[in-house]
């Protein structure tokens, strides 16, 4: 299963970054994840205005850890 991971930094402290796992969004394959993720990432950013998204990716959890 593939999940969406976001790297975001605090707007007030741009050097303080964190990786977020957008669980429970899980996708059967990388292609499906890549098509669906942009909307999910945008919605996440709209709800968390104190974070600035630097990058995102679709990956299996084992690839990120």
Protein backbone atom coordinates (compact mmCIF):
# COMPACT_ATOMS: atom_id res chain seq x y z
CA UNK A 1 0.00 0.00 0.00
CA UNK A 2 1.14 3.53 -0.80
CA UNK A 3 0.63 6.55 1.40
CA UNK A 4 1.21 10.28 1.01
CA UNK A 5 4.04 11.86 2.98
CA UNK A 6 4.52 15.61 3.33
CA UNK A 7 7.61 17.49 4.42
CA UNK A 8 6.51 20.83 5.85
CA UNK A 9 8.23 23.59 7.79
CA UNK A 10 6.79 26.00 10.31
CA UNK A 11 6.07 29.39 8.78
CA UNK A 12 7.40 31.13 11.90
CA UNK A 13 10.55 28.94 11.97
CA UNK A 14 11.39 27.80 8.42
CA UNK A 15 14.30 25.65 9.62
CA UNK A 16 11.98 23.55 11.79
CA UNK A 17 10.60 20.91 9.43
CA UNK A 18 8.72 17.70 9.98
CA UNK A 19 7.47 14.75 7.92
CA UNK A 20 3.76 14.05 8.10
CA UNK A 21 2.10 10.81 7.07
CA UNK A 22 -1.37 11.40 5.66
CA UNK A 23 -2.96 8.37 7.18
CA UNK A 24 -5.50 6.74 6.62
CA UNK A 25 -5.20 7.67 2.93
CA UNK A 26 -3.78 4.50 1.40
CA UNK A 27 -3.61 3.57 -2.25
CA UNK A 28 -3.14 0.18 -3.88
CA UNK A 29 -0.50 1.39 -6.33
CA UNK A 30 1.86 4.28 -6.98
CA UNK A 31 -0.04 5.54 -10.02
CA UNK A 32 -3.31 5.89 -8.11
CA UNK A 33 -1.55 7.61 -5.23
CA UNK A 34 0.20 10.05 -7.58
CA UNK A 35 -3.10 11.03 -9.21
CA UNK A 36 -5.03 11.46 -5.95
CA UNK A 37 -2.33 13.03 -3.78
CA UNK A 38 -2.28 16.62 -5.11
CA UNK A 39 -5.82 17.28 -3.86
CA UNK A 40 -5.09 15.61 -0.52
CA UNK A 41 -1.88 17.63 -0.08
CA UNK A 42 -3.66 20.88 -0.97
CA UNK A 43 -6.43 20.20 1.54
CA UNK A 44 -3.86 19.43 4.22
CA UNK A 45 -2.09 22.74 3.56
CA UNK A 46 -5.32 24.74 3.67
CA UNK A 47 -6.16 23.31 7.11
CA UNK A 48 -2.67 23.93 8.53
CA UNK A 49 -1.75 27.51 7.71
CA UNK A 50 1.14 27.57 10.20
CA UNK A 51 2.99 24.98 8.06
CA UNK A 52 4.51 25.51 4.62
CA UNK A 53 4.71 22.42 2.43
CA UNK A 54 8.20 21.91 1.02
CA UNK A 55 7.63 18.60 -0.74
CA UNK A 56 5.39 15.57 -0.83
CA UNK A 57 5.62 12.07 -2.21
CA UNK A 58 3.80 8.81 -2.50
CA UNK A 59 5.70 5.95 -0.95
CA UNK A 60 5.36 2.78 1.00
CA UNK A 61 5.91 3.37 4.68
CA UNK A 62 9.02 1.20 4.77
CA UNK A 63 10.64 3.45 2.11
CA UNK A 64 10.26 6.58 4.25
CA UNK A 65 11.37 5.32 7.65
